[in-house]
Amino acid sequence: MFGRKKLRQRAEVDGQLLELIYDVHDQMLRERKLVESATDGEERRQKARVALQEGLYDFLHRQAKRRRIDPAQVERFSVRHNLAQINK
């Protein structure tokens, strides 16, 4: 009755944070693959993009730890994300 709305909102925000973390992680992996295939001129730019993605991923990961996201929610999201990756 009291406080349920806050809990529901917190779960939604935590879900959005988890989705963002996984999106940034996927983007970071794509950028790393591009670095391997880049020429010398593009390599520095690609490395900078990878460093930016790594920094963003680390920041988001620390925010998730600070928010103390429910481990069950992380597990559900992780399974759903991994199944989506397999089905691509």
PDB file of N, CA and C in Angstrom:
ATOM      1  N   MET A   1       0.815  -1.165   0.000  1.00  0.00           N
ATOM      2  CA  MET A   1       0.000   0.000   0.000  1.00  0.00           C
ATOM      3  C   MET A   1       0.878   1.255   0.000  1.00  0.00           C
ATOM      4  N   PHE A   2       1.636   1.444   1.049  1.00  0.00           N
ATOM      5  CA  PHE A   2       2.521   2.602   1.099  1.00  0.00           C
ATOM      6  C   PHE A   2       3.914   2.174   0.649  1.00  0.00           C
ATOM      7  N   GLY A   3       4.474   2.894  -0.283  1.00  0.00           N
ATOM      8  CA  GLY A   3       5.823   2.607  -0.727  1.00  0.00           C
ATOM      9  C   GLY A   3       5.911   1.621  -1.886  1.00  0.00           C
ATOM     10  N   ARG A   4       4.796   1.043  -2.293  1.00  0.00           N
ATOM     11  CA  ARG A   4       4.845   0.082  -3.397  1.00  0.00           C
ATOM     12  C   ARG A   4       5.225   0.766  -4.702  1.00  0.00           C
ATOM     13  N   LYS A   5       4.743   1.985  -4.871  1.00  0.00           N
ATOM     14  CA  LYS A   5       5.053   2.719  -6.095  1.00  0.00           C
ATOM     15  C   LYS A   5       6.551   2.974  -6.188  1.00  0.00           C
ATOM     16  N   LYS A   6       7.169   3.316  -5.068  1.00  0.00           N
ATOM     17  CA  LYS A   6       8.612   3.558  -5.058  1.00  0.00           C
ATOM     18  C   LYS A   6       9.376   2.289  -5.411  1.00  0.00           C
ATOM     19  N   LEU A   7       8.942   1.160  -4.863  1.00  0.00           N
ATOM     20  CA  LEU A   7       9.618  -0.099  -5.172  1.00  0.00           C
ATOM     21  C   LEU A   7       9.471  -0.450  -6.645  1.00  0.00           C
ATOM     22  N   ARG A   8       8.296  -0.216  -7.198  1.00  0.00           N
ATOM     23  CA  ARG A   8       8.068  -0.523  -8.609  1.00  0.00           C
ATOM     24  C   ARG A   8       8.909   0.401  -9.486  1.00  0.00           C
ATOM     25  N   GLN A   9       8.966   1.682  -9.128  1.00  0.00           N
ATOM     26  CA  GLN A   9       9.777   2.628  -9.888  1.00  0.00           C
ATOM     27  C   GLN A   9      11.261   2.269  -9.792  1.00  0.00           C
ATOM     28  N   ARG A  10      11.685   1.866  -8.611  1.00  0.00           N
ATOM     29  CA  ARG A  10      13.091   1.493  -8.422  1.00  0.00           C
ATOM     30  C   ARG A  10      13.439   0.279  -9.288  1.00  0.00           C
ATOM     31  N   ALA A  11      12.539  -0.693  -9.351  1.00  0.00           N
ATOM     32  CA  ALA A  11      12.777  -1.871 -10.175  1.00  0.00           C
ATOM     33  C   ALA A  11      12.845  -1.498 -11.652  1.00  0.00           C
ATOM     34  N   GLU A  12      12.007  -0.567 -12.080  1.00  0.00           N
ATOM     35  CA  GLU A  12      12.031  -0.123 -13.479  1.00  0.00           C
ATOM     36  C   GLU A  12      13.342   0.592 -13.804  1.00  0.00           C
ATOM     37  N   VAL A  13      13.763   1.480 -12.907  1.00  0.00           N
ATOM     38  CA  VAL A  13      15.013   2.219 -13.123  1.00  0.00           C
ATOM     39  C   VAL A  13      16.205   1.255 -13.102  1.00  0.00           C
ATOM     40  N   ASP A  14      16.178   0.289 -12.191  1.00  0.00           N
ATOM     41  CA  ASP A  14      17.245  -0.705 -12.142  1.00  0.00           C
ATOM     42  C   ASP A  14      17.281  -1.514 -13.435  1.00  0.00           C
ATOM     43  N   GLY A  15      16.119  -1.862 -13.966  1.00  0.00           N
ATOM     44  CA  GLY A  15      16.053  -2.585 -15.238  1.00  0.00           C
ATOM     45  C   GLY A  15      16.623  -1.765 -16.379  1.00  0.00           C
ATOM     46  N   GLN A  16      16.330  -0.472 -16.391  1.00  0.00           N
ATOM     47  CA  GLN A  16      16.883   0.405 -17.420  1.00  0.00           C
ATOM     48  C   GLN A  16      18.397   0.500 -17.293  1.00  0.00           C
ATOM     49  N   LEU A  17      18.882   0.564 -16.063  1.00  0.00           N
ATOM     50  CA  LEU A  17      20.327   0.617 -15.840  1.00  0.00           C
ATOM     51  C   LEU A  17      20.994  -0.666 -16.322  1.00  0.00           C
ATOM     52  N   LEU A  18      20.387  -1.807 -16.016  1.00  0.00           N
ATOM     53  CA  LEU A  18      20.942  -3.081 -16.478  1.00  0.00           C
ATOM     54  C   LEU A  18      20.958  -3.155 -17.999  1.00  0.00           C
ATOM     55  N   GLU A  19      19.889  -2.696 -18.620  1.00  0.00           N
ATOM     56  CA  GLU A  19      19.834  -2.705 -20.084  1.00  0.00           C
ATOM     57  C   GLU A  19      20.929  -1.829 -20.670  1.00  0.00           C
ATOM     58  N   LEU A  20      21.136  -0.669 -20.081  1.00  0.00           N
ATOM     59  CA  LEU A  20      22.187   0.231 -20.543  1.00  0.00           C
ATOM     60  C   LEU A  20      23.569  -0.395 -20.355  1.00  0.00           C
ATOM     61  N   ILE A  21      23.777  -1.067 -19.232  1.00  0.00           N
ATOM     62  CA  ILE A  21      25.064  -1.711 -18.978  1.00  0.00           C
ATOM     63  C   ILE A  21      25.349  -2.763 -20.048  1.00  0.00           C
ATOM     64  N   TYR A  22      24.367  -3.597 -20.342  1.00  0.00           N
ATOM     65  CA  TYR A  22      24.580  -4.636 -21.355  1.00  0.00           C
ATOM     66  C   TYR A  22      24.764  -4.037 -22.750  1.00  0.00           C
ATOM     67  N   ASP A  23      24.042  -2.963 -23.069  1.00  0.00           N
ATOM     68  CA  ASP A  23      24.217  -2.314 -24.364  1.00  0.00           C
ATOM     69  C   ASP A  23      25.628  -1.738 -24.509  1.00  0.00           C
ATOM     70  N   VAL A  24      26.100  -1.085 -23.452  1.00  0.00           N
ATOM     71  CA  VAL A  24      27.447  -0.509 -23.482  1.00  0.00           C
ATOM     72  C   VAL A  24      28.493  -1.623 -23.581  1.00  0.00           C
ATOM     73  N   HIS A  25      28.272  -2.720 -22.886  1.00  0.00           N
ATOM     74  CA  HIS A  25      29.216  -3.844 -22.943  1.00  0.00           C
ATOM     75  C   HIS A  25      29.273  -4.417 -24.359  1.00  0.00           C
ATOM     76  N   ASP A  26      28.115  -4.596 -24.989  1.00  0.00           N
ATOM     77  CA  ASP A  26      28.093  -5.094 -26.367  1.00  0.00           C
ATOM     78  C   ASP A  26      28.791  -4.130 -27.317  1.00  0.00           C
ATOM     79  N   GLN A  27      28.540  -2.831 -27.138  1.00  0.00           N
ATOM     80  CA  GLN A  27      29.188  -1.829 -27.977  1.00  0.00           C
ATOM     81  C   GLN A  27      30.701  -1.849 -27.769  1.00  0.00           C
ATOM     82  N   MET A  28      31.140  -2.039 -26.532  1.00  0.00           N
ATOM     83  CA  MET A  28      32.567  -2.100 -26.234  1.00  0.00           C
ATOM     84  C   MET A  28      33.211  -3.287 -26.958  1.00  0.00           C
ATOM     85  N   LEU A  29      32.542  -4.426 -26.962  1.00  0.00           N
ATOM     86  CA  LEU A  29      33.086  -5.596 -27.660  1.00  0.00           C
ATOM     87  C   LEU A  29      33.157  -5.358 -29.164  1.00  0.00           C
ATOM     88  N   ARG A  30      32.140  -4.686 -29.731  1.00  0.00           N
ATOM     89  CA  ARG A  30      32.169  -4.371 -31.166  1.00  0.00           C
ATOM     90  C   ARG A  30      33.321  -3.424 -31.489  1.00  0.00           C
ATOM     91  N   GLU A  31      33.541  -2.433 -30.629  1.00  0.00           N
ATOM     92  CA  GLU A  31      34.635  -1.483 -30.845  1.00  0.00           C
ATOM     93  C   GLU A  31      35.993  -2.186 -30.782  1.00  0.00           C
ATOM     94  N   ARG A  32      36.145  -3.140 -29.863  1.00  0.00           N
ATOM     95  CA  ARG A  32      37.407  -3.882 -29.771  1.00  0.00           C
ATOM     96  C   ARG A  32      37.670  -4.676 -31.039  1.00  0.00           C
ATOM     97  N   LYS A  33      36.617  -5.255 -31.621  1.00  0.00           N
ATOM     98  CA  LYS A  33      36.785  -5.990 -32.880  1.00  0.00           C
ATOM     99  C   LYS A  33      37.190  -5.056 -34.005  1.00  0.00           C
ATOM    100  N   LEU A  34      36.652  -3.834 -33.994  1.00  0.00           N
ATOM    101  CA  LEU A  34      37.009  -2.868 -35.021  1.00  0.00           C
ATOM    102  C   LEU A  34      38.465  -2.438 -34.901  1.00  0.00           C
ATOM    103  N   VAL A  35      38.983  -2.366 -33.687  1.00  0.00           N
ATOM    104  CA  VAL A  35      40.382  -1.991 -33.487  1.00  0.00           C
ATOM    105  C   VAL A  35      41.298  -3.017 -34.136  1.00  0.00           C
ATOM    106  N   GLU A  36      40.930  -4.288 -34.014  1.00  0.00           N
ATOM    107  CA  GLU A  36      41.755  -5.344 -34.592  1.00  0.00           C
ATOM    108  C   GLU A  36      41.830  -5.253 -36.112  1.00  0.00           C
ATOM    109  N   SER A  37      40.764  -4.771 -36.750  1.00  0.00           N
ATOM    110  CA  SER A  37      40.743  -4.710 -38.207  1.00  0.00           C
ATOM    111  C   SER A  37      41.020  -3.313 -38.749  1.00  0.00           C
ATOM    112  N   ALA A  38      41.343  -2.354 -37.891  1.00  0.00           N
ATOM    113  CA  ALA A  38      41.548  -0.970 -38.319  1.00  0.00           C
ATOM    114  C   ALA A  38      42.948  -0.776 -38.902  1.00  0.00           C
ATOM    115  N   THR A  39      43.055   0.197 -39.796  1.00  0.00           N
ATOM    116  CA  THR A  39      44.359   0.579 -40.332  1.00  0.00           C
ATOM    117  C   THR A  39      45.039   1.496 -39.322  1.00  0.00           C
ATOM    118  N   ASP A  40      46.287   1.869 -39.611  1.00  0.00           N
ATOM    119  CA  ASP A  40      47.060   2.669 -38.662  1.00  0.00           C
ATOM    120  C   ASP A  40      46.408   4.015 -38.347  1.00  0.00           C
ATOM    121  N   GLY A  41      45.877   4.689 -39.349  1.00  0.00           N
ATOM    122  CA  GLY A  41      45.262   5.994 -39.122  1.00  0.00           C
ATOM    123  C   GLY A  41      44.006   5.910 -38.289  1.00  0.00           C
ATOM    124  N   GLU A  42      43.243   4.874 -38.487  1.00  0.00           N
ATOM    125  CA  GLU A  42      41.984   4.714 -37.749  1.00  0.00           C
ATOM    126  C   GLU A  42      42.197   4.090 -36.371  1.00  0.00           C
ATOM    127  N   GLU A  43      43.342   3.450 -36.190  1.00  0.00           N
ATOM    128  CA  GLU A  43      43.566   2.686 -34.968  1.00  0.00           C
ATOM    129  C   GLU A  43      43.526   3.556 -33.718  1.00  0.00           C
ATOM    130  N   ARG A  44      44.134   4.738 -33.770  1.00  0.00           N
ATOM    131  CA  ARG A  44      44.141   5.614 -32.603  1.00  0.00           C
ATOM    132  C   ARG A  44      42.731   6.064 -32.243  1.00  0.00           C
ATOM    133  N   ARG A  45      41.949   6.376 -33.268  1.00  0.00           N
ATOM    134  CA  ARG A  45      40.576   6.808 -33.034  1.00  0.00           C
ATOM    135  C   ARG A  45      39.743   5.667 -32.449  1.00  0.00           C
ATOM    136  N   GLN A  46      39.949   4.468 -32.965  1.00  0.00           N
ATOM    137  CA  GLN A  46      39.210   3.310 -32.467  1.00  0.00           C
ATOM    138  C   GLN A  46      39.606   2.991 -31.024  1.00  0.00           C
ATOM    139  N   LYS A  47      40.891   3.107 -30.715  1.00  0.00           N
ATOM    140  CA  LYS A  47      41.336   2.860 -29.340  1.00  0.00           C
ATOM    141  C   LYS A  47      40.733   3.870 -28.380  1.00  0.00           C
ATOM    142  N   ALA A  48      40.592   5.117 -28.831  1.00  0.00           N
ATOM    143  CA  ALA A  48      39.959   6.133 -27.988  1.00  0.00           C
ATOM    144  C   ALA A  48      38.495   5.788 -27.744  1.00  0.00           C
ATOM    145  N   ARG A  49      37.812   5.294 -28.769  1.00  0.00           N
ATOM    146  CA  ARG A  49      36.412   4.893 -28.600  1.00  0.00           C
ATOM    147  C   ARG A  49      36.288   3.720 -27.644  1.00  0.00           C
ATOM    148  N   VAL A  50      37.222   2.769 -27.736  1.00  0.00           N
ATOM    149  CA  VAL A  50      37.199   1.625 -26.816  1.00  0.00           C
ATOM    150  C   VAL A  50      37.419   2.105 -25.386  1.00  0.00           C
ATOM    151  N   ALA A  51      38.367   3.004 -25.195  1.00  0.00           N
ATOM    152  CA  ALA A  51      38.636   3.533 -23.857  1.00  0.00           C
ATOM    153  C   ALA A  51      37.411   4.257 -23.307  1.00  0.00           C
ATOM    154  N   LEU A  52      36.712   4.999 -24.162  1.00  0.00           N
ATOM    155  CA  LEU A  52      35.505   5.694 -23.744  1.00  0.00           C
ATOM    156  C   LEU A  52      34.424   4.697 -23.328  1.00  0.00           C
ATOM    157  N   GLN A  53      34.237   3.639 -24.114  1.00  0.00           N
ATOM    158  CA  GLN A  53      33.238   2.627 -23.790  1.00  0.00           C
ATOM    159  C   GLN A  53      33.597   1.896 -22.493  1.00  0.00           C
ATOM    160  N   GLU A  54      34.879   1.610 -22.300  1.00  0.00           N
ATOM    161  CA  GLU A  54      35.312   0.937 -21.071  1.00  0.00           C
ATOM    162  C   GLU A  54      35.061   1.811 -19.852  1.00  0.00           C
ATOM    163  N   GLY A  55      35.345   3.104 -19.979  1.00  0.00           N
ATOM    164  CA  GLY A  55      35.099   4.023 -18.869  1.00  0.00           C
ATOM    165  C   GLY A  55      33.620   4.132 -18.545  1.00  0.00           C
ATOM    166  N   LEU A  56      32.787   4.198 -19.574  1.00  0.00           N
ATOM    167  CA  LEU A  56      31.347   4.263 -19.363  1.00  0.00           C
ATOM    168  C   LEU A  56      30.828   2.981 -18.718  1.00  0.00           C
ATOM    169  N   TYR A  57      31.337   1.841 -19.181  1.00  0.00           N
ATOM    170  CA  TYR A  57      30.935   0.553 -18.611  1.00  0.00           C
ATOM    171  C   TYR A  57      31.321   0.467 -17.133  1.00  0.00           C
ATOM    172  N   ASP A  58      32.539   0.868 -16.809  1.00  0.00           N
ATOM    173  CA  ASP A  58      32.983   0.851 -15.413  1.00  0.00           C
ATOM    174  C   ASP A  58      32.118   1.762 -14.534  1.00  0.00           C
ATOM    175  N   PHE A  59      31.810   2.955 -15.052  1.00  0.00           N
ATOM    176  CA  PHE A  59      30.975   3.878 -14.296  1.00  0.00           C
ATOM    177  C   PHE A  59      29.594   3.289 -14.039  1.00  0.00           C
ATOM    178  N   LEU A  60      28.970   2.745 -15.072  1.00  0.00           N
ATOM    179  CA  LEU A  60      27.630   2.170 -14.924  1.00  0.00           C
ATOM    180  C   LEU A  60      27.645   0.969 -13.984  1.00  0.00           C
ATOM    181  N   HIS A  61      28.706   0.181 -14.065  1.00  0.00           N
ATOM    182  CA  HIS A  61      28.821  -0.985 -13.191  1.00  0.00           C
ATOM    183  C   HIS A  61      28.925  -0.538 -11.726  1.00  0.00           C
ATOM    184  N   ARG A  62      29.700   0.512 -11.474  1.00  0.00           N
ATOM    185  CA  ARG A  62      29.811   1.034 -10.103  1.00  0.00           C
ATOM    186  C   ARG A  62      28.474   1.591  -9.616  1.00  0.00           C
ATOM    187  N   GLN A  63      27.728   2.236 -10.516  1.00  0.00           N
ATOM    188  CA  GLN A  63      26.417   2.761 -10.130  1.00  0.00           C
ATOM    189  C   GLN A  63      25.464   1.631  -9.761  1.00  0.00           C
ATOM    190  N   ALA A  64      25.530   0.531 -10.518  1.00  0.00           N
ATOM    191  CA  ALA A  64      24.676  -0.624 -10.210  1.00  0.00           C
ATOM    192  C   ALA A  64      25.040  -1.203  -8.850  1.00  0.00           C
ATOM    193  N   LYS A  65      26.330  -1.259  -8.540  1.00  0.00           N
ATOM    194  CA  LYS A  65      26.743  -1.760  -7.228  1.00  0.00           C
ATOM    195  C   LYS A  65      26.276  -0.822  -6.120  1.00  0.00           C
ATOM    196  N   ARG A  66      26.369   0.462  -6.364  1.00  0.00           N
ATOM    197  CA  ARG A  66      25.960   1.445  -5.367  1.00  0.00           C
ATOM    198  C   ARG A  66      24.455   1.367  -5.109  1.00  0.00           C
ATOM    199  N   ARG A  67      23.678   1.109  -6.153  1.00  0.00           N
ATOM    200  CA  ARG A  67      22.222   1.018  -6.017  1.00  0.00           C
ATOM    201  C   ARG A  67      21.796  -0.304  -5.392  1.00  0.00           C
ATOM    202  N   ARG A  68      22.720  -1.247  -5.302  1.00  0.00           N
ATOM    203  CA  ARG A  68      22.425  -2.570  -4.728  1.00  0.00           C
ATOM    204  C   ARG A  68      21.225  -3.213  -5.425  1.00  0.00           C
ATOM    205  N   ILE A  69      21.385  -3.379  -6.725  1.00  0.00           N
ATOM    206  CA  ILE A  69      20.330  -3.988  -7.533  1.00  0.00           C
ATOM    207  C   ILE A  69      20.109  -5.418  -7.072  1.00  0.00           C
ATOM    208  N   ASP A  70      18.859  -5.813  -7.025  1.00  0.00           N
ATOM    209  CA  ASP A  70      18.463  -7.142  -6.577  1.00  0.00           C
ATOM    210  C   ASP A  70      19.126  -8.207  -7.457  1.00  0.00           C
ATOM    211  N   PRO A  71      19.858  -9.145  -6.868  1.00  0.00           N
ATOM    212  CA  PRO A  71      20.524 -10.187  -7.661  1.00  0.00           C
ATOM    213  C   PRO A  71      19.566 -11.015  -8.512  1.00  0.00           C
ATOM    214  N   ALA A  72      18.362 -11.217  -8.043  1.00  0.00           N
ATOM    215  CA  ALA A  72      17.377 -11.969  -8.826  1.00  0.00           C
ATOM    216  C   ALA A  72      17.017 -11.208 -10.096  1.00  0.00           C
ATOM    217  N   GLN A  73      16.925  -9.887  -9.997  1.00  0.00           N
ATOM    218  CA  GLN A  73      16.624  -9.079 -11.168  1.00  0.00           C
ATOM    219  C   GLN A  73      17.785  -9.119 -12.162  1.00  0.00           C
ATOM    220  N   VAL A  74      19.006  -9.078 -11.650  1.00  0.00           N
ATOM    221  CA  VAL A  74      20.179  -9.166 -12.522  1.00  0.00           C
ATOM    222  C   VAL A  74      20.198 -10.510 -13.233  1.00  0.00           C
ATOM    223  N   GLU A  75      19.901 -11.566 -12.514  1.00  0.00           N
ATOM    224  CA  GLU A  75      19.899 -12.900 -13.102  1.00  0.00           C
ATOM    225  C   GLU A  75      18.845 -13.015 -14.197  1.00  0.00           C
ATOM    226  N   ARG A  76      17.635 -12.539 -13.933  1.00  0.00           N
ATOM    227  CA  ARG A  76      16.569 -12.608 -14.936  1.00  0.00           C
ATOM    228  C   ARG A  76      16.947 -11.822 -16.185  1.00  0.00           C
ATOM    229  N   PHE A  77      17.497 -10.633 -15.983  1.00  0.00           N
ATOM    230  CA  PHE A  77      17.878  -9.809 -17.119  1.00  0.00           C
ATOM    231  C   PHE A  77      19.019 -10.441 -17.893  1.00  0.00           C
ATOM    232  N   SER A  78      19.984 -11.008 -17.186  1.00  0.00           N
ATOM    233  CA  SER A  78      21.124 -11.645 -17.830  1.00  0.00           C
ATOM    234  C   SER A  78      20.688 -12.824 -18.695  1.00  0.00           C
ATOM    235  N   VAL A  79      19.798 -13.643 -18.172  1.00  0.00           N
ATOM    236  CA  VAL A  79      19.301 -14.792 -18.933  1.00  0.00           C
ATOM    237  C   VAL A  79      18.570 -14.314 -20.172  1.00  0.00           C
ATOM    238  N   ARG A  80      17.701 -13.315 -20.001  1.00  0.00           N
ATOM    239  CA  ARG A  80      16.949 -12.795 -21.145  1.00  0.00           C
ATOM    240  C   ARG A  80      17.883 -12.198 -22.201  1.00  0.00           C
ATOM    241  N   HIS A  81      18.912 -11.480 -21.757  1.00  0.00           N
ATOM    242  CA  HIS A  81      19.862 -10.871 -22.693  1.00  0.00           C
ATOM    243  C   HIS A  81      20.666 -11.937 -23.432  1.00  0.00           C
ATOM    244  N   ASN A  82      21.116 -12.955 -22.701  1.00  0.00           N
ATOM    245  CA  ASN A  82      21.907 -14.016 -23.334  1.00  0.00           C
ATOM    246  C   ASN A  82      21.074 -14.815 -24.326  1.00  0.00           C
ATOM    247  N   LEU A  83      19.816 -15.060 -24.008  1.00  0.00           N
ATOM    248  CA  LEU A  83      18.942 -15.761 -24.952  1.00  0.00           C
ATOM    249  C   LEU A  83      18.713 -14.929 -26.212  1.00  0.00           C
ATOM    250  N   ALA A  84      18.590 -13.633 -26.050  1.00  0.00           N
ATOM    251  CA  ALA A  84      18.428 -12.756 -27.203  1.00  0.00           C
ATOM    252  C   ALA A  84      19.681 -12.790 -28.076  1.00  0.00           C
ATOM    253  N   GLN A  85      20.863 -12.838 -27.444  1.00  0.00           N
ATOM    254  CA  GLN A  85      22.115 -12.917 -28.204  1.00  0.00           C
ATOM    255  C   GLN A  85      22.216 -14.228 -28.967  1.00  0.00           C
ATOM    256  N   ILE A  86      21.764 -15.306 -28.372  1.00  0.00           N
ATOM    257  CA  ILE A  86      21.829 -16.620 -29.023  1.00  0.00           C
ATOM    258  C   ILE A  86      20.879 -16.660 -30.211  1.00  0.00           C
ATOM    259  N   ASN A  87      19.720 -16.069 -30.071  1.00  0.00           N
ATOM    260  CA  ASN A  87      18.705 -16.119 -31.116  1.00  0.00           C
ATOM    261  C   ASN A  87      18.969 -15.161 -32.271  1.00  0.00           C
ATOM    262  N   LYS A  88      19.971 -14.323 -32.166  1.00  0.00           N
ATOM    263  CA  LYS A  88      20.292 -13.387 -33.265  1.00  0.00           C
ATOM    264  C   LYS A  88      20.846 -14.102 -34.449  1.00  0.00           C
TER     265      LYS A  88
END
